Amino acid sequence: MIDSFEHAGLTVEIRQSSLGRHCYRLQFGTLVEGVFDEALSEAEIQEFCPLVFAYLPLRAPGSETQVGWAWITHSRAKAMGWKNWSEEKILDTIRAEVSYQLAGEVHGYVIKDHHGVVVDSCWGFRDVEDCRTAARASIG
């Protein structure tokens, strides 16, 4: 845990994520989606996500160990005006979107009531201060 504070009678914990800690399917930023599941094959990804425009394997930092997949769908690519982008530029963009998550540089908050019961949480913040601000806004 990075920080803990009280706000409106609730406890807010700010935490740093570790690789794949929170969920199976992820949203990276506004563009890229993915999964942390090293058992999925490339053929399964293509079947699992038929609307995928571009995808790449995710590897643990400093390792050749594959830990999952990241992709962008056709609809998101179109919305971003990627029609004329090269495949390499698209893949580089995906790598940039997911690199902070793979390096564990993502933060989240957990809000607990006075009994220690989790009442809200949210993950995916690159900046700790943005995470704190979002936690306070969530409480009101």
Protein backbone atom coordinates (compact mmCIF):
# COMPACT_ATOMS: atom_id res chain seq x y z
CA MET A 1 0.00 0.00 0.00
CA ILE A 2 1.29 3.42 -0.95
CA ASP A 3 -1.03 5.59 1.11
CA SER A 4 -4.12 5.48 3.30
CA PHE A 5 -6.40 8.32 4.34
CA GLU A 6 -9.88 9.00 5.70
CA HIS A 7 -12.47 10.84 3.63
CA ALA A 8 -16.13 11.35 4.58
CA GLY A 9 -15.95 8.59 7.18
CA LEU A 10 -14.45 6.02 4.81
CA THR A 11 -10.92 4.67 4.52
CA VAL A 12 -9.17 5.04 1.18
CA GLU A 13 -6.16 2.87 0.38
CA ILE A 14 -3.96 3.79 -2.57
CA ARG A 15 -2.15 0.76 -3.93
CA GLN A 16 0.33 -0.07 -6.65
CA SER A 17 -0.61 -2.83 -9.03
CA SER A 18 1.47 -5.84 -9.84
CA LEU A 19 1.29 -7.66 -13.14
CA GLY A 20 -2.11 -9.22 -13.70
CA ARG A 21 -3.15 -8.84 -10.10
CA HIS A 22 -6.67 -7.56 -10.49
CA CYS A 23 -8.52 -9.21 -13.27
CA TYR A 24 -8.40 -11.46 -16.25
CA ARG A 25 -9.55 -8.97 -18.89
CA LEU A 26 -8.12 -5.47 -18.83
CA GLN A 27 -8.62 -2.09 -20.39
CA PHE A 28 -5.34 -0.31 -21.08
CA GLY A 29 -5.89 3.43 -21.36
CA THR A 30 -8.62 4.35 -23.84
CA LEU A 31 -7.46 2.25 -26.78
CA VAL A 32 -6.12 -1.14 -25.92
CA GLU A 33 -7.72 -4.16 -24.31
CA GLY A 34 -6.07 -7.37 -23.22
CA VAL A 35 -5.95 -10.45 -21.09
CA PHE A 36 -3.42 -11.84 -18.67
CA ASP A 37 -3.52 -15.53 -19.53
CA GLU A 38 -0.35 -17.15 -20.79
CA ALA A 39 -2.26 -20.29 -21.77
CA LEU A 40 -4.16 -18.63 -24.63
CA SER A 41 -2.73 -19.42 -28.05
CA GLU A 42 -2.64 -17.02 -30.98
CA ALA A 43 -5.39 -19.02 -32.71
CA GLU A 44 -7.55 -18.75 -29.59
CA ILE A 45 -7.02 -14.98 -29.47
CA GLN A 46 -8.17 -14.71 -33.08
CA GLU A 47 -11.25 -16.80 -32.28
CA PHE A 48 -11.80 -15.11 -28.88
CA CYS A 49 -11.75 -11.65 -30.41
CA PRO A 50 -12.84 -11.77 -34.06
CA LEU A 51 -13.05 -7.98 -34.17
CA VAL A 52 -9.36 -7.57 -33.38
CA PHE A 53 -7.48 -5.23 -35.67
CA ALA A 54 -3.98 -5.77 -34.26
CA TYR A 55 -2.63 -7.78 -31.34
CA LEU A 56 0.63 -8.75 -29.71
CA PRO A 57 1.83 -11.02 -26.93
CA LEU A 58 2.55 -9.45 -23.54
CA ARG A 59 5.83 -10.38 -21.92
CA ALA A 60 6.97 -9.91 -18.35
CA PRO A 61 9.55 -7.12 -18.02
CA GLY A 62 13.09 -8.39 -18.70
CA SER A 63 11.79 -11.81 -19.63
CA GLU A 64 10.71 -13.83 -22.62
CA THR A 65 7.87 -15.31 -20.57
CA GLN A 66 4.54 -14.55 -22.20
CA VAL A 67 1.90 -13.46 -19.71
CA GLY A 68 -1.00 -12.58 -21.99
CA TRP A 69 -2.15 -10.62 -25.03
CA ALA A 70 -3.05 -7.03 -25.88
CA TRP A 71 -5.13 -5.90 -28.84
CA ILE A 72 -7.07 -3.09 -30.43
CA THR A 73 -10.40 -3.68 -32.15
CA HIS A 74 -11.34 -2.48 -35.63
CA SER A 75 -13.87 -0.04 -34.20
CA ARG A 76 -11.33 1.61 -31.88
CA ALA A 77 -8.73 1.75 -34.66
CA LYS A 78 -11.24 3.41 -36.96
CA ALA A 79 -12.32 5.87 -34.26
CA MET A 80 -8.69 6.87 -33.76
CA GLY A 81 -8.15 7.43 -37.48
CA TRP A 82 -5.69 4.56 -37.82
CA LYS A 83 -6.79 3.63 -41.34
CA ASN A 84 -3.52 4.82 -42.88
CA TRP A 85 -1.18 3.78 -40.08
CA SER A 86 1.39 1.05 -40.67
CA GLU A 87 1.07 -2.18 -38.73
CA GLU A 88 4.34 -1.41 -36.94
CA LYS A 89 3.08 2.01 -35.79
CA ILE A 90 -0.10 0.41 -34.46
CA LEU A 91 1.86 -2.28 -32.60
CA ASP A 92 4.21 0.36 -31.17
CA THR A 93 1.16 2.26 -29.92
CA ILE A 94 -0.18 -0.87 -28.25
CA ARG A 95 3.23 -1.50 -26.63
CA ALA A 96 3.29 2.07 -25.29
CA GLU A 97 -0.23 1.71 -23.85
CA VAL A 98 0.56 -1.50 -21.97
CA SER A 99 4.16 -0.87 -20.91
CA TYR A 100 3.23 0.93 -17.69
CA GLN A 101 0.97 -1.94 -16.61
CA LEU A 102 3.60 -4.56 -17.37
CA ALA A 103 6.13 -2.60 -15.34
CA GLY A 104 3.73 -2.38 -12.39
CA GLU A 105 3.41 1.37 -12.77
CA VAL A 106 -0.33 1.48 -12.34
CA HIS A 107 -2.23 2.48 -9.24
CA GLY A 108 -5.68 1.98 -7.86
CA TYR A 109 -7.78 2.78 -4.86
CA VAL A 110 -9.83 0.67 -2.51
CA ILE A 111 -12.50 2.36 -0.39
CA LYS A 112 -13.61 0.62 2.81
CA ASP A 113 -16.37 1.40 5.27
CA HIS A 114 -15.82 1.52 9.05
CA HIS A 115 -16.16 -2.30 9.20
CA GLY A 116 -13.39 -2.79 6.65
CA VAL A 117 -15.80 -3.87 3.92
CA VAL A 118 -14.78 -2.78 0.42
CA VAL A 119 -17.43 -0.47 -1.00
CA ASP A 120 -15.62 0.69 -4.13
CA SER A 121 -12.37 0.30 -6.03
CA CYS A 122 -10.88 1.41 -9.31
CA TRP A 123 -7.57 0.64 -11.06
CA GLY A 124 -5.60 1.88 -14.02
CA PHE A 125 -4.21 5.21 -12.84
CA ARG A 126 -0.70 6.07 -13.96
CA ASP A 127 -0.41 9.00 -11.59
CA VAL A 128 -0.87 8.54 -7.84
CA GLU A 129 -2.36 12.02 -7.41
CA ASP A 130 -4.96 11.32 -10.11
CA CYS A 131 -5.81 8.14 -8.22
CA ARG A 132 -6.29 10.05 -4.94
CA THR A 133 -8.45 12.66 -6.68
CA ALA A 134 -10.64 9.99 -8.31
CA ALA A 135 -11.08 8.20 -4.97
CA ARG A 136 -12.25 11.39 -3.28
CA ALA A 137 -14.61 12.15 -6.19
CA SER A 138 -16.01 8.63 -5.98
CA ILE A 139 -16.97 9.19 -2.37
CA GLY A 140 -18.39 12.62 -3.04
